[in-house]
């Protein structure tokens, strides 16, 4: 058994950020009027975590408007269907870029790139 590489730890850290983001904020009441402020709050919360250098959250407002229009209230619950997220983690010189985007009706979280920091 060997210790994980810095690359593996960096990827794991990106996964931790997505797990925290998704499970902390899924179910949050959101409306078209509150979408921007919620996106900023999510970014700030996740950026607080160790090794996280950047988080970009886009709430799909058109999809959100459609869901609200179809429902009985002026808001709906936040789900992965409304989120496009990019997380950048740097650990021991390794930079990981990971994204969450809808793919075939599912909020897919994936590593986009791993590289030496600054290269």
Protein backbone atom coordinates (compact mmCIF):
# COMPACT_ATOMS: atom_id res chain seq x y z
CA UNK A 1 0.00 0.00 0.00
CA UNK A 2 1.36 3.42 -0.92
CA UNK A 3 0.50 6.92 0.16
CA UNK A 4 -1.69 8.90 -2.22
CA UNK A 5 0.13 11.14 -4.65
CA UNK A 6 -0.25 14.93 -4.50
CA UNK A 7 -2.28 14.66 -7.71
CA UNK A 8 -4.66 12.15 -6.09
CA UNK A 9 -5.04 14.27 -2.97
CA UNK A 10 -5.76 17.36 -5.08
CA UNK A 11 -8.50 15.48 -6.96
CA UNK A 12 -9.93 14.19 -3.69
CA UNK A 13 -10.01 17.76 -2.35
CA UNK A 14 -12.02 18.87 -5.40
CA UNK A 15 -14.49 16.06 -4.70
CA UNK A 16 -14.82 17.16 -1.09
CA UNK A 17 -15.69 20.68 -2.26
CA UNK A 18 -18.44 19.37 -4.53
CA UNK A 19 -19.83 17.07 -1.84
CA UNK A 20 -19.98 19.97 0.57
CA UNK A 21 -21.49 22.33 -1.99
CA UNK A 22 -24.15 19.94 -3.17
CA UNK A 23 -25.24 18.58 0.17
CA UNK A 24 -25.08 21.89 1.99
CA UNK A 25 -27.12 23.87 -0.53
CA UNK A 26 -29.45 21.34 -2.18
CA UNK A 27 -32.96 22.11 -0.99
CA UNK A 28 -32.28 25.80 -0.33
CA UNK A 29 -35.30 27.89 -1.32
CA UNK A 30 -34.39 29.93 -4.41
CA UNK A 31 -36.24 32.29 -6.72
CA UNK A 32 -35.16 34.25 -9.78
CA UNK A 33 -34.82 37.29 -7.50
CA UNK A 34 -32.51 35.52 -5.03
CA UNK A 35 -30.46 33.43 -7.50
CA UNK A 36 -27.55 35.86 -7.83
CA UNK A 37 -27.13 36.38 -4.09
CA UNK A 38 -27.36 32.63 -3.46
CA UNK A 39 -24.66 31.98 -6.08
CA UNK A 40 -22.36 34.50 -4.37
CA UNK A 41 -23.05 32.93 -0.96
CA UNK A 42 -22.25 29.45 -2.28
CA UNK A 43 -19.00 30.67 -3.83
CA UNK A 44 -17.93 32.39 -0.61
CA UNK A 45 -18.79 29.37 1.56
CA UNK A 46 -16.91 26.85 -0.57
CA UNK A 47 -13.90 29.14 -1.08
CA UNK A 48 -13.43 29.08 2.71
CA UNK A 49 -12.36 25.44 2.54
CA UNK A 50 -8.68 24.48 2.52
CA UNK A 51 -6.84 24.44 -0.82
CA UNK A 52 -9.77 26.00 -2.68
CA UNK A 53 -8.58 28.91 -4.80
CA UNK A 54 -11.66 29.71 -6.89
CA UNK A 55 -15.31 28.79 -7.15
CA UNK A 56 -17.67 29.96 -9.86
CA UNK A 57 -21.39 29.27 -9.46
CA UNK A 58 -23.95 30.00 -12.15
CA UNK A 59 -27.59 29.37 -11.37
CA UNK A 60 -29.53 28.57 -14.54
CA UNK A 61 -32.10 31.31 -14.19
CA UNK A 62 -34.19 30.35 -17.21
CA UNK A 63 -34.62 26.81 -15.86
CA UNK A 64 -35.33 28.29 -12.44
CA UNK A 65 -38.03 30.59 -13.87
CA UNK A 66 -39.67 27.65 -15.61
CA UNK A 67 -39.70 25.57 -12.42
CA UNK A 68 -41.19 28.43 -10.41
CA UNK A 69 -43.84 29.03 -13.08
CA UNK A 70 -44.85 25.37 -12.96
CA UNK A 71 -45.03 25.24 -9.16
CA UNK A 72 -47.43 26.57 -6.56
CA UNK A 73 -45.02 29.10 -4.96
CA UNK A 74 -42.81 32.00 -5.98
CA UNK A 75 -39.69 29.90 -5.35
CA UNK A 76 -38.42 26.35 -5.73
CA UNK A 77 -35.74 24.18 -4.15
CA UNK A 78 -32.19 24.39 -5.42
CA UNK A 79 -31.06 21.20 -7.15
CA UNK A 80 -28.17 20.28 -9.39
CA UNK A 81 -30.41 20.89 -12.39
CA UNK A 82 -30.06 24.62 -11.75
CA UNK A 83 -26.29 24.73 -11.19
CA UNK A 84 -23.19 25.08 -13.33
CA UNK A 85 -20.16 25.13 -11.02
CA UNK A 86 -16.41 25.28 -11.48
CA UNK A 87 -14.04 24.62 -8.58
CA UNK A 88 -10.27 25.15 -8.63
CA UNK A 89 -8.14 23.45 -5.98
CA UNK A 90 -4.39 23.81 -5.54
CA UNK A 91 -2.59 21.26 -3.39
CA UNK A 92 1.19 20.88 -3.18
CA UNK A 93 1.72 22.42 -6.60
CA UNK A 94 -1.09 20.52 -8.33
CA UNK A 95 -4.01 22.49 -9.72
CA UNK A 96 -7.29 20.66 -10.26
CA UNK A 97 -10.17 22.18 -12.20
CA UNK A 98 -13.46 20.37 -11.68
CA UNK A 99 -16.94 21.15 -12.97
CA UNK A 100 -20.51 20.24 -12.29
CA UNK A 101 -22.81 20.52 -15.31
CA UNK A 102 -25.97 18.84 -16.45
CA UNK A 103 -25.36 15.80 -18.63
CA UNK A 104 -28.29 13.72 -19.86
CA UNK A 105 -30.52 15.10 -17.11
CA UNK A 106 -28.00 14.47 -14.33
CA UNK A 107 -25.74 16.95 -12.48
CA UNK A 108 -22.39 15.39 -13.42
CA UNK A 109 -19.33 16.32 -11.35
CA UNK A 110 -16.02 15.66 -13.09
CA UNK A 111 -12.35 16.56 -13.10
CA UNK A 112 -11.60 18.68 -16.15
CA UNK A 113 -7.83 19.05 -15.73
CA UNK A 114 -4.96 18.35 -13.38
CA UNK A 115 -1.66 20.11 -13.88
CA UNK A 116 1.33 21.43 -12.08
CA UNK A 117 0.39 24.82 -10.62
CA UNK A 118 1.51 27.64 -12.87
CA UNK A 119 2.15 25.50 -15.95
